[in-house]
Amino acid sequence: SRLRFPRLRGKDHSKPLHMAASSLRPSVLPILARAIPACALVGAAVELFMIRVRIGDETFYDVATRKEAERVVYRRIMLEEREKQLRQRVAERKEKEIMGIEEGGNDELN
């Protein structure tokens, strides 16, 4: 009933694999200590580029804002068209129901 680890061995072959992995951790820390600030600086540089650099008359965010506005307008137009189609269908069904009732009422009298 005791939890057992596999008998695989790490690089030094003296410790089981799960214990050998813990000996690798200290060597990863210096790499992370250098990589995280470097990635933050690269991200900041990319962000600054997107804000400041103009290609033609526009920056990245000018283009992104315009595209999002176009998407919003397109969605609104599509929703209005869909709503118009649904209203037409409802009106047609009501008209058919009214015509059916009038025709059905005449048949009952005859």
N, C-alpha and C. Protein backbone atom coordinates (compact mmCIF):
# COMPACT_ATOMS: atom_id res chain seq x y z
N SER A 1 0.82 -1.20 0.00
CA SER A 1 0.00 0.00 0.00
C SER A 1 0.86 1.26 0.00
N ARG A 2 2.17 1.09 0.13
CA ARG A 2 3.07 2.24 0.11
C ARG A 2 3.34 2.68 -1.33
N LEU A 3 3.42 3.98 -1.54
CA LEU A 3 3.68 4.53 -2.87
C LEU A 3 5.11 4.19 -3.28
N ARG A 4 5.26 3.60 -4.44
CA ARG A 4 6.58 3.23 -4.91
C ARG A 4 6.93 4.00 -6.17
N PHE A 5 8.15 4.42 -6.27
CA PHE A 5 8.62 5.12 -7.44
C PHE A 5 9.29 4.12 -8.38
N PRO A 6 9.33 4.42 -9.67
CA PRO A 6 9.97 3.50 -10.60
C PRO A 6 11.46 3.33 -10.28
N ARG A 7 12.01 2.23 -10.68
CA ARG A 7 13.41 1.94 -10.38
C ARG A 7 14.36 2.52 -11.41
N LEU A 8 13.83 3.39 -12.30
CA LEU A 8 14.70 4.03 -13.29
C LEU A 8 15.74 4.89 -12.58
N ARG A 9 16.88 5.02 -13.16
CA ARG A 9 17.96 5.79 -12.54
C ARG A 9 18.23 7.06 -13.33
N GLY A 10 18.68 8.10 -12.64
CA GLY A 10 19.03 9.36 -13.25
C GLY A 10 20.39 9.30 -13.91
N LYS A 11 20.95 10.47 -14.27
CA LYS A 11 22.24 10.52 -14.96
C LYS A 11 23.37 9.93 -14.13
N ASP A 12 23.33 10.20 -12.85
CA ASP A 12 24.43 9.70 -12.03
C ASP A 12 24.24 8.24 -11.64
N HIS A 13 23.12 7.63 -11.98
CA HIS A 13 22.82 6.21 -11.78
C HIS A 13 22.85 5.76 -10.32
N SER A 14 23.06 6.68 -9.40
CA SER A 14 23.09 6.29 -8.00
C SER A 14 21.75 6.55 -7.31
N LYS A 15 20.95 7.47 -7.86
CA LYS A 15 19.68 7.83 -7.25
C LYS A 15 18.54 7.43 -8.18
N PRO A 16 17.39 7.13 -7.62
CA PRO A 16 16.21 6.91 -8.47
C PRO A 16 15.90 8.18 -9.26
N LEU A 17 15.16 8.04 -10.36
CA LEU A 17 14.90 9.14 -11.27
C LEU A 17 14.24 10.33 -10.58
N HIS A 18 13.26 10.08 -9.69
CA HIS A 18 12.57 11.20 -9.05
C HIS A 18 13.51 11.98 -8.14
N MET A 19 14.54 11.38 -7.58
CA MET A 19 15.50 12.09 -6.75
C MET A 19 16.55 12.77 -7.61
N ALA A 20 16.90 12.18 -8.74
CA ALA A 20 17.88 12.79 -9.63
C ALA A 20 17.32 14.08 -10.24
N ALA A 21 16.00 14.15 -10.48
CA ALA A 21 15.39 15.34 -11.04
C ALA A 21 15.51 16.51 -10.08
N SER A 22 15.44 16.26 -8.79
CA SER A 22 15.57 17.36 -7.84
C SER A 22 16.98 17.93 -7.83
N SER A 23 17.96 17.15 -8.24
CA SER A 23 19.31 17.68 -8.29
C SER A 23 19.52 18.57 -9.51
N LEU A 24 18.62 18.53 -10.49
CA LEU A 24 18.72 19.39 -11.66
C LEU A 24 18.19 20.79 -11.39
N ARG A 25 17.33 20.94 -10.44
CA ARG A 25 16.66 22.22 -10.19
C ARG A 25 17.61 23.38 -9.94
N PRO A 26 18.65 23.23 -9.14
CA PRO A 26 19.53 24.39 -8.92
C PRO A 26 20.18 24.90 -10.19
N SER A 27 20.42 24.07 -11.18
CA SER A 27 21.05 24.54 -12.41
C SER A 27 20.07 25.31 -13.30
N VAL A 28 18.76 25.15 -13.09
CA VAL A 28 17.75 25.84 -13.89
C VAL A 28 17.55 27.27 -13.38
N LEU A 29 17.73 27.49 -12.13
CA LEU A 29 17.48 28.81 -11.55
C LEU A 29 18.33 29.92 -12.17
N PRO A 30 19.64 29.75 -12.38
CA PRO A 30 20.39 30.83 -13.02
C PRO A 30 19.92 31.13 -14.44
N ILE A 31 19.47 30.08 -15.15
CA ILE A 31 18.95 30.29 -16.50
C ILE A 31 17.68 31.12 -16.45
N LEU A 32 16.77 30.77 -15.53
CA LEU A 32 15.53 31.53 -15.38
C LEU A 32 15.81 32.95 -14.93
N ALA A 33 16.79 33.12 -14.06
CA ALA A 33 17.13 34.46 -13.56
C ALA A 33 17.58 35.37 -14.70
N ARG A 34 18.15 34.81 -15.72
CA ARG A 34 18.56 35.62 -16.89
C ARG A 34 17.46 35.70 -17.94
N ALA A 35 16.72 34.62 -18.11
CA ALA A 35 15.74 34.56 -19.19
C ALA A 35 14.52 35.44 -18.92
N ILE A 36 14.04 35.46 -17.69
CA ILE A 36 12.80 36.22 -17.39
C ILE A 36 13.00 37.71 -17.62
N PRO A 37 14.06 38.34 -17.09
CA PRO A 37 14.25 39.77 -17.39
C PRO A 37 14.48 40.03 -18.88
N ALA A 38 15.20 39.13 -19.55
CA ALA A 38 15.43 39.31 -20.99
C ALA A 38 14.12 39.27 -21.75
N CYS A 39 13.24 38.33 -21.40
CA CYS A 39 11.93 38.24 -22.06
C CYS A 39 11.08 39.47 -21.78
N ALA A 40 11.16 39.99 -20.56
CA ALA A 40 10.42 41.20 -20.21
C ALA A 40 10.91 42.38 -21.03
N LEU A 41 12.21 42.48 -21.21
CA LEU A 41 12.77 43.58 -22.01
C LEU A 41 12.38 43.46 -23.48
N VAL A 42 12.41 42.25 -24.01
CA VAL A 42 12.00 42.05 -25.40
C VAL A 42 10.52 42.41 -25.56
N GLY A 43 9.69 41.99 -24.62
CA GLY A 43 8.26 42.33 -24.68
C GLY A 43 8.03 43.82 -24.62
N ALA A 44 8.77 44.51 -23.75
CA ALA A 44 8.64 45.97 -23.64
C ALA A 44 9.09 46.64 -24.94
N ALA A 45 10.14 46.12 -25.55
CA ALA A 45 10.62 46.70 -26.81
C ALA A 45 9.59 46.52 -27.92
N VAL A 46 8.97 45.36 -27.99
CA VAL A 46 7.95 45.12 -29.01
C VAL A 46 6.76 46.05 -28.78
N GLU A 47 6.35 46.19 -27.53
CA GLU A 47 5.23 47.08 -27.21
C GLU A 47 5.55 48.53 -27.58
N LEU A 48 6.74 48.97 -27.26
CA LEU A 48 7.16 50.33 -27.61
C LEU A 48 7.17 50.51 -29.12
N PHE A 49 7.64 49.51 -29.84
CA PHE A 49 7.63 49.54 -31.30
C PHE A 49 6.21 49.70 -31.82
N MET A 50 5.27 48.93 -31.26
CA MET A 50 3.88 48.99 -31.73
C MET A 50 3.24 50.34 -31.43
N ILE A 51 3.67 50.97 -30.35
CA ILE A 51 3.09 52.27 -29.99
C ILE A 51 3.70 53.40 -30.79
N ARG A 52 5.02 53.41 -30.93
CA ARG A 52 5.74 54.57 -31.47
C ARG A 52 5.98 54.56 -32.97
N VAL A 53 6.23 53.42 -33.55
CA VAL A 53 6.65 53.36 -34.95
C VAL A 53 5.42 53.50 -35.85
N ARG A 54 5.51 54.44 -36.76
CA ARG A 54 4.44 54.66 -37.72
C ARG A 54 4.85 54.09 -39.07
N ILE A 55 3.96 53.32 -39.65
CA ILE A 55 4.16 52.81 -41.00
C ILE A 55 3.12 53.50 -41.84
N GLY A 56 3.56 54.38 -42.69
CA GLY A 56 2.62 55.27 -43.37
C GLY A 56 2.17 56.32 -42.36
N ASP A 57 0.88 56.41 -42.16
CA ASP A 57 0.34 57.36 -41.18
C ASP A 57 -0.21 56.67 -39.95
N GLU A 58 -0.02 55.36 -39.84
CA GLU A 58 -0.68 54.63 -38.76
C GLU A 58 0.31 53.83 -37.92
N THR A 59 -0.04 53.70 -36.64
CA THR A 59 0.67 52.78 -35.76
C THR A 59 -0.12 51.48 -35.70
N PHE A 60 0.44 50.51 -35.03
CA PHE A 60 -0.25 49.23 -34.87
C PHE A 60 -1.61 49.42 -34.22
N TYR A 61 -1.66 50.23 -33.17
CA TYR A 61 -2.91 50.40 -32.44
C TYR A 61 -3.94 51.20 -33.22
N ASP A 62 -3.50 52.08 -34.11
CA ASP A 62 -4.45 52.76 -34.99
C ASP A 62 -5.15 51.74 -35.89
N VAL A 63 -4.37 50.82 -36.44
CA VAL A 63 -4.93 49.79 -37.31
C VAL A 63 -5.85 48.87 -36.51
N ALA A 64 -5.40 48.45 -35.32
CA ALA A 64 -6.20 47.54 -34.50
C ALA A 64 -7.53 48.18 -34.11
N THR A 65 -7.50 49.46 -33.74
CA THR A 65 -8.72 50.17 -33.36
C THR A 65 -9.68 50.29 -34.55
N ARG A 66 -9.13 50.62 -35.72
CA ARG A 66 -9.97 50.75 -36.91
C ARG A 66 -10.60 49.41 -37.29
N LYS A 67 -9.81 48.35 -37.25
CA LYS A 67 -10.34 47.02 -37.60
C LYS A 67 -11.43 46.58 -36.64
N GLU A 68 -11.23 46.83 -35.35
CA GLU A 68 -12.25 46.47 -34.36
C GLU A 68 -13.54 47.26 -34.60
N ALA A 69 -13.40 48.55 -34.92
CA ALA A 69 -14.59 49.36 -35.21
C ALA A 69 -15.31 48.82 -36.45
N GLU A 70 -14.55 48.41 -37.47
CA GLU A 70 -15.17 47.83 -38.66
C GLU A 70 -15.92 46.54 -38.32
N ARG A 71 -15.33 45.72 -37.45
CA ARG A 71 -16.00 44.47 -37.04
C ARG A 71 -17.30 44.76 -36.30
N VAL A 72 -17.27 45.77 -35.43
CA VAL A 72 -18.47 46.11 -34.66
C VAL A 72 -19.57 46.59 -35.60
N VAL A 73 -19.22 47.46 -36.55
CA VAL A 73 -20.21 47.97 -37.51
C VAL A 73 -20.76 46.83 -38.36
N TYR A 74 -19.87 45.93 -38.82
CA TYR A 74 -20.30 44.80 -39.64
C TYR A 74 -21.28 43.92 -38.87
N ARG A 75 -20.94 43.62 -37.61
CA ARG A 75 -21.84 42.79 -36.78
C ARG A 75 -23.19 43.47 -36.60
N ARG A 76 -23.17 44.78 -36.37
CA ARG A 76 -24.43 45.51 -36.18
C ARG A 76 -25.27 45.46 -37.44
N ILE A 77 -24.64 45.65 -38.59
CA ILE A 77 -25.37 45.60 -39.86
C ILE A 77 -25.96 44.21 -40.08
N MET A 78 -25.16 43.18 -39.81
CA MET A 78 -25.64 41.80 -39.99
C MET A 78 -26.80 41.50 -39.04
N LEU A 79 -26.71 41.97 -37.80
CA LEU A 79 -27.81 41.75 -36.85
C LEU A 79 -29.08 42.47 -37.29
N GLU A 80 -28.92 43.69 -37.79
CA GLU A 80 -30.09 44.44 -38.26
C GLU A 80 -30.73 43.74 -39.46
N GLU A 81 -29.91 43.22 -40.38
CA GLU A 81 -30.46 42.50 -41.53
C GLU A 81 -31.17 41.23 -41.09
N ARG A 82 -30.56 40.52 -40.13
CA ARG A 82 -31.18 39.29 -39.61
C ARG A 82 -32.51 39.61 -38.93
N GLU A 83 -32.52 40.68 -38.15
CA GLU A 83 -33.76 41.09 -37.48
C GLU A 83 -34.83 41.46 -38.50
N LYS A 84 -34.43 42.14 -39.56
CA LYS A 84 -35.38 42.51 -40.62
C LYS A 84 -35.97 41.27 -41.29
N GLN A 85 -35.11 40.27 -41.58
CA GLN A 85 -35.58 39.03 -42.17
C GLN A 85 -36.56 38.31 -41.25
N LEU A 86 -36.24 38.27 -39.97
CA LEU A 86 -37.13 37.60 -39.02
C LEU A 86 -38.48 38.30 -38.91
N ARG A 87 -38.46 39.63 -38.92
CA ARG A 87 -39.72 40.38 -38.87
C ARG A 87 -40.56 40.12 -40.12
N GLN A 88 -39.90 40.01 -41.27
CA GLN A 88 -40.63 39.71 -42.51
C GLN A 88 -41.27 38.32 -42.42
N ARG A 89 -40.52 37.35 -41.91
CA ARG A 89 -41.07 36.00 -41.77
C ARG A 89 -42.27 35.98 -40.83
N VAL A 90 -42.15 36.70 -39.71
CA VAL A 90 -43.26 36.75 -38.75
C VAL A 90 -44.47 37.39 -39.42
N ALA A 91 -44.26 38.48 -40.14
CA ALA A 91 -45.37 39.15 -40.82
C ALA A 91 -46.01 38.23 -41.86
N GLU A 92 -45.17 37.49 -42.62
CA GLU A 92 -45.71 36.57 -43.61
C GLU A 92 -46.53 35.46 -42.95
N ARG A 93 -46.05 34.93 -41.84
CA ARG A 93 -46.78 33.86 -41.14
C ARG A 93 -48.11 34.38 -40.59
N LYS A 94 -48.07 35.58 -40.03
CA LYS A 94 -49.32 36.16 -39.52
C LYS A 94 -50.31 36.36 -40.66
N GLU A 95 -49.79 36.83 -41.79
CA GLU A 95 -50.66 37.05 -42.94
C GLU A 95 -51.25 35.73 -43.43
N LYS A 96 -50.43 34.68 -43.46
CA LYS A 96 -50.93 33.37 -43.88
C LYS A 96 -51.96 32.84 -42.89
N GLU A 97 -51.73 33.06 -41.60
CA GLU A 97 -52.69 32.61 -40.58
C GLU A 97 -54.02 33.34 -40.75
N ILE A 98 -53.94 34.65 -40.99
CA ILE A 98 -55.17 35.43 -41.17
C ILE A 98 -55.90 34.96 -42.41
N MET A 99 -55.16 34.76 -43.50
CA MET A 99 -55.79 34.29 -44.74
C MET A 99 -56.38 32.89 -44.54
N GLY A 100 -55.70 32.06 -43.79
CA GLY A 100 -56.19 30.71 -43.54
C GLY A 100 -57.45 30.73 -42.70
N ILE A 101 -57.50 31.62 -41.72
CA ILE A 101 -58.68 31.73 -40.86
C ILE A 101 -59.87 32.23 -41.68
N GLU A 102 -59.64 33.24 -42.53
CA GLU A 102 -60.72 33.77 -43.34
C GLU A 102 -61.23 32.72 -44.32
N GLU A 103 -60.29 31.98 -44.95
CA GLU A 103 -60.71 30.95 -45.90
C GLU A 103 -61.39 29.80 -45.16
N GLY A 104 -60.85 29.45 -44.02
CA GLY A 104 -61.44 28.37 -43.23
C GLY A 104 -62.82 28.75 -42.72
N GLY A 105 -63.02 29.99 -42.37
CA GLY A 105 -64.32 30.46 -41.87
C GLY A 105 -65.36 30.40 -42.98
N ASN A 106 -64.99 30.72 -44.21
CA ASN A 106 -65.92 30.66 -45.35
C ASN A 106 -66.31 29.22 -45.65
N ASP A 107 -65.34 28.30 -45.50
CA ASP A 107 -65.64 26.89 -45.79
C ASP A 107 -66.64 26.35 -44.78
N GLU A 108 -66.55 26.80 -43.56
CA GLU A 108 -67.46 26.30 -42.53
C GLU A 108 -68.89 26.77 -42.79
N LEU A 109 -69.03 27.98 -43.32
CA LEU A 109 -70.36 28.49 -43.58
C LEU A 109 -71.02 27.76 -44.77
N ASN A 110 -70.25 27.34 -45.73
CA ASN A 110 -70.81 26.71 -46.93
C ASN A 110 -71.13 25.31 -46.72
